[in-house]
Amino acid sequence: MTQLDDTQTREHESQAADAADEAELAALEHQVKQRKKP
């Protein structure tokens, strides 16, 4: 495995982690909005 491949893999993994964090955040925000409704 070349150094470039390693860097690309790490970038891809961090992008996937960011997407998961965003999805989690959106889910939490949705829950909060649901709670605020009467």
PDB file of N, CA and C in Angstrom:
ATOM      1  N   MET A   1       0.846  -1.196   0.000  1.00  0.00           N
ATOM      2  CA  MET A   1       0.000   0.000   0.000  1.00  0.00           C
ATOM      3  C   MET A   1       0.884   1.250   0.000  1.00  0.00           C
ATOM      4  N   THR A   2       0.596   2.171  -0.886  1.00  0.00           N
ATOM      5  CA  THR A   2       1.405   3.387  -0.949  1.00  0.00           C
ATOM      6  C   THR A   2       0.925   4.389   0.089  1.00  0.00           C
ATOM      7  N   GLN A   3       1.736   5.398   0.307  1.00  0.00           N
ATOM      8  CA  GLN A   3       1.377   6.421   1.281  1.00  0.00           C
ATOM      9  C   GLN A   3       0.119   7.173   0.835  1.00  0.00           C
ATOM     10  N   LEU A   4      -0.014   7.374  -0.473  1.00  0.00           N
ATOM     11  CA  LEU A   4      -1.163   8.095  -1.001  1.00  0.00           C
ATOM     12  C   LEU A   4      -2.451   7.334  -0.697  1.00  0.00           C
ATOM     13  N   ASP A   5      -2.431   6.016  -0.925  1.00  0.00           N
ATOM     14  CA  ASP A   5      -3.611   5.204  -0.643  1.00  0.00           C
ATOM     15  C   ASP A   5      -4.010   5.330   0.820  1.00  0.00           C
ATOM     16  N   ASP A   6      -3.000   5.300   1.685  1.00  0.00           N
ATOM     17  CA  ASP A   6      -3.253   5.384   3.121  1.00  0.00           C
ATOM     18  C   ASP A   6      -3.948   6.699   3.471  1.00  0.00           C
ATOM     19  N   THR A   7      -3.472   7.780   2.863  1.00  0.00           N
ATOM     20  CA  THR A   7      -4.058   9.096   3.126  1.00  0.00           C
ATOM     21  C   THR A   7      -5.492   9.150   2.625  1.00  0.00           C
ATOM     22  N   GLN A   8      -5.733   8.624   1.440  1.00  0.00           N
ATOM     23  CA  GLN A   8      -7.082   8.630   0.874  1.00  0.00           C
ATOM     24  C   GLN A   8      -8.034   7.811   1.738  1.00  0.00           C
ATOM     25  N   THR A   9      -7.542   6.678   2.243  1.00  0.00           N
ATOM     26  CA  THR A   9      -8.378   5.837   3.096  1.00  0.00           C
ATOM     27  C   THR A   9      -8.757   6.600   4.356  1.00  0.00           C
ATOM     28  N   ARG A  10      -7.787   7.264   4.950  1.00  0.00           N
ATOM     29  CA  ARG A  10      -8.050   8.016   6.179  1.00  0.00           C
ATOM     30  C   ARG A  10      -9.042   9.143   5.914  1.00  0.00           C
ATOM     31  N   GLU A  11      -8.893   9.812   4.785  1.00  0.00           N
ATOM     32  CA  GLU A  11      -9.818  10.894   4.436  1.00  0.00           C
ATOM     33  C   GLU A  11     -11.228  10.348   4.282  1.00  0.00           C
ATOM     34  N   HIS A  12     -11.339   9.213   3.621  1.00  0.00           N
ATOM     35  CA  HIS A  12     -12.647   8.603   3.397  1.00  0.00           C
ATOM     36  C   HIS A  12     -13.285   8.224   4.729  1.00  0.00           C
ATOM     37  N   GLU A  13     -12.484   7.664   5.639  1.00  0.00           N
ATOM     38  CA  GLU A  13     -13.001   7.258   6.945  1.00  0.00           C
ATOM     39  C   GLU A  13     -13.487   8.470   7.736  1.00  0.00           C
ATOM     40  N   SER A  14     -12.748   9.564   7.666  1.00  0.00           N
ATOM     41  CA  SER A  14     -13.152  10.748   8.420  1.00  0.00           C
ATOM     42  C   SER A  14     -14.412  11.357   7.807  1.00  0.00           C
ATOM     43  N   GLN A  15     -14.560  11.268   6.488  1.00  0.00           N
ATOM     44  CA  GLN A  15     -15.780  11.758   5.836  1.00  0.00           C
ATOM     45  C   GLN A  15     -16.976  10.934   6.286  1.00  0.00           C
ATOM     46  N   ALA A  16     -16.795   9.623   6.385  1.00  0.00           N
ATOM     47  CA  ALA A  16     -17.878   8.745   6.825  1.00  0.00           C
ATOM     48  C   ALA A  16     -18.246   9.068   8.268  1.00  0.00           C
ATOM     49  N   ALA A  17     -17.240   9.334   9.086  1.00  0.00           N
ATOM     50  CA  ALA A  17     -17.494   9.679  10.488  1.00  0.00           C
ATOM     51  C   ALA A  17     -18.244  11.006  10.574  1.00  0.00           C
ATOM     52  N   ASP A  18     -17.859  11.972   9.744  1.00  0.00           N
ATOM     53  CA  ASP A  18     -18.546  13.264   9.727  1.00  0.00           C
ATOM     54  C   ASP A  18     -20.009  13.084   9.342  1.00  0.00           C
ATOM     55  N   ALA A  19     -20.272  12.262   8.353  1.00  0.00           N
ATOM     56  CA  ALA A  19     -21.639  12.021   7.906  1.00  0.00           C
ATOM     57  C   ALA A  19     -22.456  11.386   9.031  1.00  0.00           C
ATOM     58  N   ALA A  20     -21.841  10.452   9.750  1.00  0.00           N
ATOM     59  CA  ALA A  20     -22.538   9.797  10.860  1.00  0.00           C
ATOM     60  C   ALA A  20     -22.841  10.812  11.956  1.00  0.00           C
ATOM     61  N   ASP A  21     -21.882  11.686  12.246  1.00  0.00           N
ATOM     62  CA  ASP A  21     -22.099  12.723  13.258  1.00  0.00           C
ATOM     63  C   ASP A  21     -23.242  13.639  12.839  1.00  0.00           C
ATOM     64  N   GLU A  22     -23.271  14.024  11.571  1.00  0.00           N
ATOM     65  CA  GLU A  22     -24.323  14.910  11.077  1.00  0.00           C
ATOM     66  C   GLU A  22     -25.687  14.243  11.193  1.00  0.00           C
ATOM     67  N   ALA A  23     -25.753  12.961  10.857  1.00  0.00           N
ATOM     68  CA  ALA A  23     -27.017  12.233  10.941  1.00  0.00           C
ATOM     69  C   ALA A  23     -27.484  12.168  12.390  1.00  0.00           C
ATOM     70  N   GLU A  24     -26.541  11.931  13.299  1.00  0.00           N
ATOM     71  CA  GLU A  24     -26.880  11.856  14.723  1.00  0.00           C
ATOM     72  C   GLU A  24     -27.399  13.206  15.213  1.00  0.00           C
ATOM     73  N   LEU A  25     -26.729  14.264  14.785  1.00  0.00           N
ATOM     74  CA  LEU A  25     -27.143  15.614  15.164  1.00  0.00           C
ATOM     75  C   LEU A  25     -28.545  15.916  14.649  1.00  0.00           C
ATOM     76  N   ALA A  26     -28.802  15.574  13.408  1.00  0.00           N
ATOM     77  CA  ALA A  26     -30.112  15.819  12.817  1.00  0.00           C
ATOM     78  C   ALA A  26     -31.191  15.055  13.576  1.00  0.00           C
ATOM     79  N   ALA A  27     -30.882  13.818  13.965  1.00  0.00           N
ATOM     80  CA  ALA A  27     -31.848  13.007  14.710  1.00  0.00           C
ATOM     81  C   ALA A  27     -32.135  13.645  16.069  1.00  0.00           C
ATOM     82  N   LEU A  28     -31.092  14.117  16.724  1.00  0.00           N
ATOM     83  CA  LEU A  28     -31.276  14.765  18.032  1.00  0.00           C
ATOM     84  C   LEU A  28     -32.113  16.031  17.880  1.00  0.00           C
ATOM     85  N   GLU A  29     -31.822  16.828  16.878  1.00  0.00           N
ATOM     86  CA  GLU A  29     -32.582  18.058  16.646  1.00  0.00           C
ATOM     87  C   GLU A  29     -34.046  17.734  16.391  1.00  0.00           C
ATOM     88  N   HIS A  30     -34.291  16.669  15.637  1.00  0.00           N
ATOM     89  CA  HIS A  30     -35.657  16.252  15.337  1.00  0.00           C
ATOM     90  C   HIS A  30     -36.389  15.883  16.624  1.00  0.00           C
ATOM     91  N   GLN A  31     -35.724  15.149  17.508  1.00  0.00           N
ATOM     92  CA  GLN A  31     -36.321  14.753  18.786  1.00  0.00           C
ATOM     93  C   GLN A  31     -36.679  15.985  19.613  1.00  0.00           C
ATOM     94  N   VAL A  32     -35.775  16.954  19.646  1.00  0.00           N
ATOM     95  CA  VAL A  32     -36.021  18.173  20.420  1.00  0.00           C
ATOM     96  C   VAL A  32     -37.234  18.909  19.862  1.00  0.00           C
ATOM     97  N   LYS A  33     -37.327  19.014  18.551  1.00  0.00           N
ATOM     98  CA  LYS A  33     -38.464  19.693  17.922  1.00  0.00           C
ATOM     99  C   LYS A  33     -39.767  18.975  18.252  1.00  0.00           C
ATOM    100  N   GLN A  34     -39.737  17.647  18.249  1.00  0.00           N
ATOM    101  CA  GLN A  34     -40.936  16.871  18.569  1.00  0.00           C
ATOM    102  C   GLN A  34     -41.380  17.170  20.003  1.00  0.00           C
ATOM    103  N   ARG A  35     -40.419  17.271  20.915  1.00  0.00           N
ATOM    104  CA  ARG A  35     -40.738  17.507  22.327  1.00  0.00           C
ATOM    105  C   ARG A  35     -41.364  18.877  22.544  1.00  0.00           C
ATOM    106  N   LYS A  36     -40.950  19.859  21.747  1.00  0.00           N
ATOM    107  CA  LYS A  36     -41.442  21.227  21.943  1.00  0.00           C
ATOM    108  C   LYS A  36     -42.890  21.384  21.481  1.00  0.00           C
ATOM    109  N   LYS A  37     -43.357  20.468  20.647  1.00  0.00           N
ATOM    110  CA  LYS A  37     -44.741  20.560  20.165  1.00  0.00           C
ATOM    111  C   LYS A  37     -45.709  20.258  21.311  1.00  0.00           C
ATOM    112  N   PRO A  38     -46.806  21.000  21.414  1.00  0.00           N
ATOM    113  CA  PRO A  38     -47.775  20.752  22.480  1.00  0.00           C
ATOM    114  C   PRO A  38     -48.527  19.435  22.298  1.00  0.00           C
TER     115      PRO A  38
END
